[in-house]
Amino acid sequence: MNAVITVLGKDNVGILAKVSGECAAVGVNIIEVTQSVLQGMFAMIMFADITKCSVPFSQFVDSLTAEGEKMGVKVHVMHEDIFNAMHKI
C-alpha cells in the first residue's frame, strides 16, 4: 500500500526533514520525492510505502496535517487507491 503526500506553502528551513521525520517515526518509507521552490513557495510531492506503518492511516494523516500547521504549510495525504480512483478515466 502506498500514499501520496503533498506539501504546499511558504518556503522555510526543514520542511522536508520534518515531514520525512514524521514518516520515519511510524515506519513509513519514502519511495520517491520531488520538490521545488517557486518564488518563495515550497511545493513537494512524496510517494510513500505505508505497508509497515505502525499507526492507523487516519492517525498518520492527522499527525502530518498537524505538523504542517506548525510549520505554516498545507500537508495533504491521500491513499494511493483514492488517488488512482480520482485519476482513472
PDB file of N, CA and C in Angstrom:
ATOM      1  N   MET A   1       0.846  -1.184   0.000  1.00  0.00           N
ATOM      2  CA  MET A   1       0.000   0.000   0.000  1.00  0.00           C
ATOM      3  C   MET A   1       0.886   1.241   0.000  1.00  0.00           C
ATOM      4  N   ASN A   2       0.447   2.219  -0.735  1.00  0.00           N
ATOM      5  CA  ASN A   2       1.212   3.459  -0.849  1.00  0.00           C
ATOM      6  C   ASN A   2       0.317   4.660  -0.593  1.00  0.00           C
ATOM      7  N   ALA A   3       0.959   5.798  -0.376  1.00  0.00           N
ATOM      8  CA  ALA A   3       0.244   7.053  -0.184  1.00  0.00           C
ATOM      9  C   ALA A   3       0.961   8.153  -0.945  1.00  0.00           C
ATOM     10  N   VAL A   4       0.194   9.152  -1.344  1.00  0.00           N
ATOM     11  CA  VAL A   4       0.738  10.348  -1.985  1.00  0.00           C
ATOM     12  C   VAL A   4       0.638  11.475  -0.963  1.00  0.00           C
ATOM     13  N   ILE A   5       1.765  12.109  -0.687  1.00  0.00           N
ATOM     14  CA  ILE A   5       1.826  13.198   0.292  1.00  0.00           C
ATOM     15  C   ILE A   5       2.232  14.459  -0.446  1.00  0.00           C
ATOM     16  N   THR A   6       1.430  15.505  -0.319  1.00  0.00           N
ATOM     17  CA  THR A   6       1.789  16.790  -0.928  1.00  0.00           C
ATOM     18  C   THR A   6       1.953  17.833   0.161  1.00  0.00           C
ATOM     19  N   VAL A   7       2.890  18.740  -0.067  1.00  0.00           N
ATOM     20  CA  VAL A   7       3.148  19.838   0.868  1.00  0.00           C
ATOM     21  C   VAL A   7       3.252  21.120   0.060  1.00  0.00           C
ATOM     22  N   LEU A   8       2.472  22.122   0.449  1.00  0.00           N
ATOM     23  CA  LEU A   8       2.485  23.423  -0.221  1.00  0.00           C
ATOM     24  C   LEU A   8       2.512  24.536   0.807  1.00  0.00           C
ATOM     25  N   GLY A   9       3.284  25.562   0.540  1.00  0.00           N
ATOM     26  CA  GLY A   9       3.293  26.714   1.436  1.00  0.00           C
ATOM     27  C   GLY A   9       4.537  27.553   1.269  1.00  0.00           C
ATOM     28  N   LYS A  10       4.649  28.546   2.117  1.00  0.00           N
ATOM     29  CA  LYS A  10       5.811  29.439   2.099  1.00  0.00           C
ATOM     30  C   LYS A  10       7.051  28.638   2.488  1.00  0.00           C
ATOM     31  N   ASP A  11       8.127  28.833   1.744  1.00  0.00           N
ATOM     32  CA  ASP A  11       9.360  28.083   1.989  1.00  0.00           C
ATOM     33  C   ASP A  11       9.952  28.419   3.355  1.00  0.00           C
ATOM     34  N   ASN A  12      10.355  27.385   4.070  1.00  0.00           N
ATOM     35  CA  ASN A  12      11.015  27.508   5.374  1.00  0.00           C
ATOM     36  C   ASN A  12      12.094  26.441   5.467  1.00  0.00           C
ATOM     37  N   VAL A  13      13.043  26.626   6.333  1.00  0.00           N
ATOM     38  CA  VAL A  13      14.077  25.627   6.569  1.00  0.00           C
ATOM     39  C   VAL A  13      13.476  24.412   7.255  1.00  0.00           C
ATOM     40  N   GLY A  14      13.805  23.213   6.758  1.00  0.00           N
ATOM     41  CA  GLY A  14      13.459  21.978   7.447  1.00  0.00           C
ATOM     42  C   GLY A  14      12.134  21.336   7.110  1.00  0.00           C
ATOM     43  N   ILE A  15      11.434  21.809   6.099  1.00  0.00           N
ATOM     44  CA  ILE A  15      10.129  21.217   5.780  1.00  0.00           C
ATOM     45  C   ILE A  15      10.293  19.750   5.401  1.00  0.00           C
ATOM     46  N   LEU A  16      11.192  19.470   4.473  1.00  0.00           N
ATOM     47  CA  LEU A  16      11.417  18.092   4.044  1.00  0.00           C
ATOM     48  C   LEU A  16      11.857  17.226   5.225  1.00  0.00           C
ATOM     49  N   ALA A  17      12.740  17.741   6.046  1.00  0.00           N
ATOM     50  CA  ALA A  17      13.243  16.986   7.198  1.00  0.00           C
ATOM     51  C   ALA A  17      12.128  16.648   8.183  1.00  0.00           C
ATOM     52  N   LYS A  18      11.257  17.597   8.447  1.00  0.00           N
ATOM     53  CA  LYS A  18      10.187  17.348   9.416  1.00  0.00           C
ATOM     54  C   LYS A  18       9.155  16.363   8.890  1.00  0.00           C
ATOM     55  N   VAL A  19       8.788  16.495   7.617  1.00  0.00           N
ATOM     56  CA  VAL A  19       7.810  15.571   7.042  1.00  0.00           C
ATOM     57  C   VAL A  19       8.399  14.169   6.966  1.00  0.00           C
ATOM     58  N   SER A  20       9.630  14.057   6.494  1.00  0.00           N
ATOM     59  CA  SER A  20      10.248  12.734   6.403  1.00  0.00           C
ATOM     60  C   SER A  20      10.499  12.151   7.793  1.00  0.00           C
ATOM     61  N   GLY A  21      10.766  12.992   8.776  1.00  0.00           N
ATOM     62  CA  GLY A  21      10.930  12.519  10.156  1.00  0.00           C
ATOM     63  C   GLY A  21       9.644  11.939  10.717  1.00  0.00           C
ATOM     64  N   GLU A  22       8.522  12.590  10.427  1.00  0.00           N
ATOM     65  CA  GLU A  22       7.222  12.064  10.860  1.00  0.00           C
ATOM     66  C   GLU A  22       6.952  10.710  10.212  1.00  0.00           C
ATOM     67  N   CYS A  23       7.313  10.583   8.960  1.00  0.00           N
ATOM     68  CA  CYS A  23       7.135   9.307   8.252  1.00  0.00           C
ATOM     69  C   CYS A  23       8.004   8.221   8.893  1.00  0.00           C
ATOM     70  N   ALA A  24       9.260   8.521   9.093  1.00  0.00           N
ATOM     71  CA  ALA A  24      10.192   7.541   9.661  1.00  0.00           C
ATOM     72  C   ALA A  24       9.768   7.103  11.058  1.00  0.00           C
ATOM     73  N   ALA A  25       9.213   8.019  11.828  1.00  0.00           N
ATOM     74  CA  ALA A  25       8.820   7.711  13.205  1.00  0.00           C
ATOM     75  C   ALA A  25       7.753   6.625  13.295  1.00  0.00           C
ATOM     76  N   VAL A  26       6.971   6.470  12.219  1.00  0.00           N
ATOM     77  CA  VAL A  26       5.902   5.465  12.239  1.00  0.00           C
ATOM     78  C   VAL A  26       6.132   4.354  11.213  1.00  0.00           C
ATOM     79  N   GLY A  27       7.350   4.266  10.674  1.00  0.00           N
ATOM     80  CA  GLY A  27       7.693   3.177   9.769  1.00  0.00           C
ATOM     81  C   GLY A  27       7.261   3.351   8.333  1.00  0.00           C
ATOM     82  N   VAL A  28       6.962   4.572   7.926  1.00  0.00           N
ATOM     83  CA  VAL A  28       6.579   4.845   6.542  1.00  0.00           C
ATOM     84  C   VAL A  28       7.841   5.129   5.736  1.00  0.00           C
ATOM     85  N   ASN A  29       8.019   4.389   4.635  1.00  0.00           N
ATOM     86  CA  ASN A  29       9.204   4.523   3.799  1.00  0.00           C
ATOM     87  C   ASN A  29       8.911   5.424   2.605  1.00  0.00           C
ATOM     88  N   ILE A  30       9.723   6.452   2.431  1.00  0.00           N
ATOM     89  CA  ILE A  30       9.559   7.357   1.294  1.00  0.00           C
ATOM     90  C   ILE A  30      10.229   6.721   0.080  1.00  0.00           C
ATOM     91  N   ILE A  31       9.434   6.477  -0.945  1.00  0.00           N
ATOM     92  CA  ILE A  31       9.920   5.819  -2.150  1.00  0.00           C
ATOM     93  C   ILE A  31      10.466   6.828  -3.149  1.00  0.00           C
ATOM     94  N   GLU A  32       9.740   7.912  -3.298  1.00  0.00           N
ATOM     95  CA  GLU A  32      10.137   8.930  -4.280  1.00  0.00           C
ATOM     96  C   GLU A  32       9.701  10.298  -3.772  1.00  0.00           C
ATOM     97  N   VAL A  33      10.516  11.315  -4.064  1.00  0.00           N
ATOM     98  CA  VAL A  33      10.169  12.671  -3.646  1.00  0.00           C
ATOM     99  C   VAL A  33      10.647  13.663  -4.704  1.00  0.00           C
ATOM    100  N   THR A  34       9.835  14.672  -4.916  1.00  0.00           N
ATOM    101  CA  THR A  34      10.231  15.784  -5.771  1.00  0.00           C
ATOM    102  C   THR A  34       9.799  17.069  -5.075  1.00  0.00           C
ATOM    103  N   GLN A  35      10.637  18.075  -5.176  1.00  0.00           N
ATOM    104  CA  GLN A  35      10.289  19.348  -4.549  1.00  0.00           C
ATOM    105  C   GLN A  35      10.808  20.498  -5.387  1.00  0.00           C
ATOM    106  N   SER A  36      10.148  21.628  -5.247  1.00  0.00           N
ATOM    107  CA  SER A  36      10.548  22.847  -5.934  1.00  0.00           C
ATOM    108  C   SER A  36      10.256  24.038  -5.040  1.00  0.00           C
ATOM    109  N   VAL A  37      11.015  25.069  -5.228  1.00  0.00           N
ATOM    110  CA  VAL A  37      10.728  26.349  -4.598  1.00  0.00           C
ATOM    111  C   VAL A  37      10.535  27.348  -5.731  1.00  0.00           C
ATOM    112  N   LEU A  38       9.321  27.887  -5.823  1.00  0.00           N
ATOM    113  CA  LEU A  38       8.973  28.816  -6.886  1.00  0.00           C
ATOM    114  C   LEU A  38       8.599  30.154  -6.274  1.00  0.00           C
ATOM    115  N   GLN A  39       9.434  31.156  -6.477  1.00  0.00           N
ATOM    116  CA  GLN A  39       9.197  32.492  -5.946  1.00  0.00           C
ATOM    117  C   GLN A  39       8.843  32.466  -4.460  1.00  0.00           C
ATOM    118  N   GLY A  40       9.587  31.674  -3.694  1.00  0.00           N
ATOM    119  CA  GLY A  40       9.385  31.609  -2.247  1.00  0.00           C
ATOM    120  C   GLY A  40       8.314  30.642  -1.792  1.00  0.00           C
ATOM    121  N   MET A  41       7.654  29.977  -2.731  1.00  0.00           N
ATOM    122  CA  MET A  41       6.628  28.993  -2.380  1.00  0.00           C
ATOM    123  C   MET A  41       7.213  27.587  -2.517  1.00  0.00           C
ATOM    124  N   PHE A  42       7.049  26.789  -1.473  1.00  0.00           N
ATOM    125  CA  PHE A  42       7.560  25.422  -1.430  1.00  0.00           C
ATOM    126  C   PHE A  42       6.485  24.470  -1.933  1.00  0.00           C
ATOM    127  N   ALA A  43       6.864  23.550  -2.816  1.00  0.00           N
ATOM    128  CA  ALA A  43       5.941  22.539  -3.317  1.00  0.00           C
ATOM    129  C   ALA A  43       6.664  21.195  -3.320  1.00  0.00           C
ATOM    130  N   MET A  44       6.044  20.181  -2.716  1.00  0.00           N
ATOM    131  CA  MET A  44       6.670  18.866  -2.647  1.00  0.00           C
ATOM    132  C   MET A  44       5.618  17.781  -2.831  1.00  0.00           C
ATOM    133  N   ILE A  45       6.006  16.735  -3.541  1.00  0.00           N
ATOM    134  CA  ILE A  45       5.180  15.547  -3.682  1.00  0.00           C
ATOM    135  C   ILE A  45       6.028  14.356  -3.268  1.00  0.00           C
ATOM    136  N   MET A  46       5.479  13.534  -2.381  1.00  0.00           N
ATOM    137  CA  MET A  46       6.146  12.308  -1.949  1.00  0.00           C
ATOM    138  C   MET A  46       5.264  11.118  -2.279  1.00  0.00           C
ATOM    139  N   PHE A  47       5.900  10.025  -2.652  1.00  0.00           N
ATOM    140  CA  PHE A  47       5.213   8.757  -2.822  1.00  0.00           C
ATOM    141  C   PHE A  47       5.801   7.854  -1.753  1.00  0.00           C
ATOM    142  N   ALA A  48       4.965   7.341  -0.860  1.00  0.00           N
ATOM    143  CA  ALA A  48       5.463   6.618   0.310  1.00  0.00           C
ATOM    144  C   ALA A  48       4.804   5.254   0.469  1.00  0.00           C
ATOM    145  N   ASP A  49       5.589   4.293   0.924  1.00  0.00           N
ATOM    146  CA  ASP A  49       5.100   2.949   1.225  1.00  0.00           C
ATOM    147  C   ASP A  49       4.586   2.943   2.659  1.00  0.00           C
ATOM    148  N   ILE A  50       3.282   2.712   2.823  1.00  0.00           N
ATOM    149  CA  ILE A  50       2.672   2.731   4.160  1.00  0.00           C
ATOM    150  C   ILE A  50       2.396   1.321   4.683  1.00  0.00           C
ATOM    151  N   THR A  51       2.938   0.300   4.001  1.00  0.00           N
ATOM    152  CA  THR A  51       2.702  -1.094   4.386  1.00  0.00           C
ATOM    153  C   THR A  51       3.094  -1.361   5.837  1.00  0.00           C
ATOM    154  N   LYS A  52       4.214  -0.809   6.282  1.00  0.00           N
ATOM    155  CA  LYS A  52       4.722  -1.075   7.629  1.00  0.00           C
ATOM    156  C   LYS A  52       4.408   0.053   8.618  1.00  0.00           C
ATOM    157  N   CYS A  53       3.437   0.885   8.285  1.00  0.00           N
ATOM    158  CA  CYS A  53       3.063   1.987   9.174  1.00  0.00           C
ATOM    159  C   CYS A  53       2.564   1.412  10.501  1.00  0.00           C
ATOM    160  N   SER A  54       3.122   1.899  11.592  1.00  0.00           N
ATOM    161  CA  SER A  54       2.821   1.350  12.916  1.00  0.00           C
ATOM    162  C   SER A  54       1.574   1.949  13.569  1.00  0.00           C
ATOM    163  N   VAL A  55       0.945   2.893  12.906  1.00  0.00           N
ATOM    164  CA  VAL A  55      -0.275   3.518  13.426  1.00  0.00           C
ATOM    165  C   VAL A  55      -1.354   3.444  12.350  1.00  0.00           C
ATOM    166  N   PRO A  56      -2.627   3.576  12.736  1.00  0.00           N
ATOM    167  CA  PRO A  56      -3.678   3.602  11.714  1.00  0.00           C
ATOM    168  C   PRO A  56      -3.458   4.746  10.725  1.00  0.00           C
ATOM    169  N   PHE A  57      -3.869   4.533   9.467  1.00  0.00           N
ATOM    170  CA  PHE A  57      -3.664   5.528   8.418  1.00  0.00           C
ATOM    171  C   PHE A  57      -4.231   6.884   8.816  1.00  0.00           C
ATOM    172  N   SER A  58      -5.409   6.894   9.420  1.00  0.00           N
ATOM    173  CA  SER A  58      -6.028   8.170   9.810  1.00  0.00           C
ATOM    174  C   SER A  58      -5.167   8.916  10.828  1.00  0.00           C
ATOM    175  N   GLN A  59      -4.521   8.196  11.724  1.00  0.00           N
ATOM    176  CA  GLN A  59      -3.640   8.829  12.706  1.00  0.00           C
ATOM    177  C   GLN A  59      -2.393   9.397  12.015  1.00  0.00           C
ATOM    178  N   PHE A  60      -1.865   8.671  11.040  1.00  0.00           N
ATOM    179  CA  PHE A  60      -0.724   9.145  10.258  1.00  0.00           C
ATOM    180  C   PHE A  60      -1.082  10.444   9.529  1.00  0.00           C
ATOM    181  N   VAL A  61      -2.250  10.460   8.906  1.00  0.00           N
ATOM    182  CA  VAL A  61      -2.731  11.662   8.201  1.00  0.00           C
ATOM    183  C   VAL A  61      -2.834  12.832   9.176  1.00  0.00           C
ATOM    184  N   ASP A  62      -3.449  12.592  10.328  1.00  0.00           N
ATOM    185  CA  ASP A  62      -3.629  13.654  11.322  1.00  0.00           C
ATOM    186  C   ASP A  62      -2.294  14.197  11.824  1.00  0.00           C
ATOM    187  N   SER A  63      -1.301  13.316  12.021  1.00  0.00           N
ATOM    188  CA  SER A  63      -0.004  13.776  12.531  1.00  0.00           C
ATOM    189  C   SER A  63       0.721  14.635  11.503  1.00  0.00           C
ATOM    190  N   LEU A  64       0.633  14.254  10.224  1.00  0.00           N
ATOM    191  CA  LEU A  64       1.274  15.076   9.189  1.00  0.00           C
ATOM    192  C   LEU A  64       0.546  16.400   8.997  1.00  0.00           C
ATOM    193  N   THR A  65      -0.767  16.374   9.089  1.00  0.00           N
ATOM    194  CA  THR A  65      -1.548  17.607   8.977  1.00  0.00           C
ATOM    195  C   THR A  65      -1.180  18.566  10.107  1.00  0.00           C
ATOM    196  N   ALA A  66      -1.083  18.044  11.316  1.00  0.00           N
ATOM    197  CA  ALA A  66      -0.722  18.864  12.480  1.00  0.00           C
ATOM    198  C   ALA A  66       0.692  19.415  12.349  1.00  0.00           C
ATOM    199  N   GLU A  67       1.622  18.595  11.887  1.00  0.00           N
ATOM    200  CA  GLU A  67       2.999  19.059  11.704  1.00  0.00           C
ATOM    201  C   GLU A  67       3.045  20.162  10.655  1.00  0.00           C
ATOM    202  N   GLY A  68       2.260  20.020   9.599  1.00  0.00           N
ATOM    203  CA  GLY A  68       2.191  21.061   8.580  1.00  0.00           C
ATOM    204  C   GLY A  68       1.675  22.373   9.135  1.00  0.00           C
ATOM    205  N   GLU A  69       0.643  22.293   9.983  1.00  0.00           N
ATOM    206  CA  GLU A  69       0.098  23.509  10.597  1.00  0.00           C
ATOM    207  C   GLU A  69       1.146  24.211  11.447  1.00  0.00           C
ATOM    208  N   LYS A  70       1.965  23.440  12.172  1.00  0.00           N
ATOM    209  CA  LYS A  70       3.026  24.021  12.990  1.00  0.00           C
ATOM    210  C   LYS A  70       4.044  24.772  12.129  1.00  0.00           C
ATOM    211  N   MET A  71       4.293  24.227  10.921  1.00  0.00           N
ATOM    212  CA  MET A  71       5.286  24.831  10.024  1.00  0.00           C
ATOM    213  C   MET A  71       4.686  25.924   9.139  1.00  0.00           C
ATOM    214  N   GLY A  72       3.365  26.060   9.141  1.00  0.00           N
ATOM    215  CA  GLY A  72       2.710  27.053   8.309  1.00  0.00           C
ATOM    216  C   GLY A  72       2.545  26.619   6.864  1.00  0.00           C
ATOM    217  N   VAL A  73       2.509  25.293   6.632  1.00  0.00           N
ATOM    218  CA  VAL A  73       2.297  24.766   5.286  1.00  0.00           C
ATOM    219  C   VAL A  73       1.100  23.821   5.300  1.00  0.00           C
ATOM    220  N   LYS A  74       0.581  23.534   4.125  1.00  0.00           N
ATOM    221  CA  LYS A  74      -0.552  22.625   3.994  1.00  0.00           C
ATOM    222  C   LYS A  74      -0.016  21.256   3.562  1.00  0.00           C
ATOM    223  N   VAL A  75      -0.274  20.235   4.395  1.00  0.00           N
ATOM    224  CA  VAL A  75       0.124  18.872   4.072  1.00  0.00           C
ATOM    225  C   VAL A  75      -1.140  18.080   3.787  1.00  0.00           C
ATOM    226  N   HIS A  76      -1.144  17.393   2.655  1.00  0.00           N
ATOM    227  CA  HIS A  76      -2.287  16.561   2.278  1.00  0.00           C
ATOM    228  C   HIS A  76      -1.785  15.147   2.018  1.00  0.00           C
ATOM    229  N   VAL A  77      -2.422  14.159   2.648  1.00  0.00           N
ATOM    230  CA  VAL A  77      -2.040  12.759   2.484  1.00  0.00           C
ATOM    231  C   VAL A  77      -3.229  12.017   1.891  1.00  0.00           C
ATOM    232  N   MET A  78      -2.968  11.286   0.804  1.00  0.00           N
ATOM    233  CA  MET A  78      -4.038  10.557   0.135  1.00  0.00           C
ATOM    234  C   MET A  78      -3.578   9.119  -0.118  1.00  0.00           C
ATOM    235  N   HIS A  79      -4.421   8.163   0.252  1.00  0.00           N
ATOM    236  CA  HIS A  79      -4.125   6.766  -0.025  1.00  0.00           C
ATOM    237  C   HIS A  79      -4.048   6.575  -1.532  1.00  0.00           C
ATOM    238  N   GLU A  80      -3.133   5.738  -1.985  1.00  0.00           N
ATOM    239  CA  GLU A  80      -2.931   5.509  -3.413  1.00  0.00           C
ATOM    240  C   GLU A  80      -4.214   5.046  -4.112  1.00  0.00           C
ATOM    241  N   ASP A  81      -5.019   4.229  -3.449  1.00  0.00           N
ATOM    242  CA  ASP A  81      -6.261   3.746  -4.065  1.00  0.00           C
ATOM    243  C   ASP A  81      -7.202   4.897  -4.392  1.00  0.00           C
ATOM    244  N   ILE A  82      -7.310   5.861  -3.491  1.00  0.00           N
ATOM    245  CA  ILE A  82      -8.163   7.031  -3.724  1.00  0.00           C
ATOM    246  C   ILE A  82      -7.572   7.880  -4.849  1.00  0.00           C
ATOM    247  N   PHE A  83      -6.260   8.075  -4.795  1.00  0.00           N
ATOM    248  CA  PHE A  83      -5.585   8.854  -5.830  1.00  0.00           C
ATOM    249  C   PHE A  83      -5.836   8.243  -7.204  1.00  0.00           C
ATOM    250  N   ASN A  84      -5.658   6.929  -7.326  1.00  0.00           N
ATOM    251  CA  ASN A  84      -5.858   6.250  -8.610  1.00  0.00           C
ATOM    252  C   ASN A  84      -7.317   6.329  -9.068  1.00  0.00           C
ATOM    253  N   ALA A  85      -8.253   6.179  -8.132  1.00  0.00           N
ATOM    254  CA  ALA A  85      -9.680   6.259  -8.486  1.00  0.00           C
ATOM    255  C   ALA A  85     -10.046   7.645  -9.000  1.00  0.00           C
ATOM    256  N   MET A  86      -9.461   8.681  -8.419  1.00  0.00           N
ATOM    257  CA  MET A  86      -9.752  10.046  -8.842  1.00  0.00           C
ATOM    258  C   MET A  86      -9.209  10.343 -10.238  1.00  0.00           C
ATOM    259  N   HIS A  87      -8.143   9.658 -10.624  1.00  0.00           N
ATOM    260  CA  HIS A  87      -7.480   9.962 -11.891  1.00  0.00           C
ATOM    261  C   HIS A  87      -7.715   8.886 -12.947  1.00  0.00           C
ATOM    262  N   LYS A  88      -8.662   8.018 -12.700  1.00  0.00           N
ATOM    263  CA  LYS A  88      -8.988   6.963 -13.657  1.00  0.00           C
ATOM    264  C   LYS A  88     -10.002   7.495 -14.664  1.00  0.00           C
ATOM    265  N   ILE A  89      -9.744   7.221 -15.901  1.00  0.00           N
ATOM    266  CA  ILE A  89     -10.654   7.692 -16.956  1.00  0.00           C
ATOM    267  C   ILE A  89     -11.739   6.678 -17.205  1.00  0.00           C
TER     268      ILE A  89
END
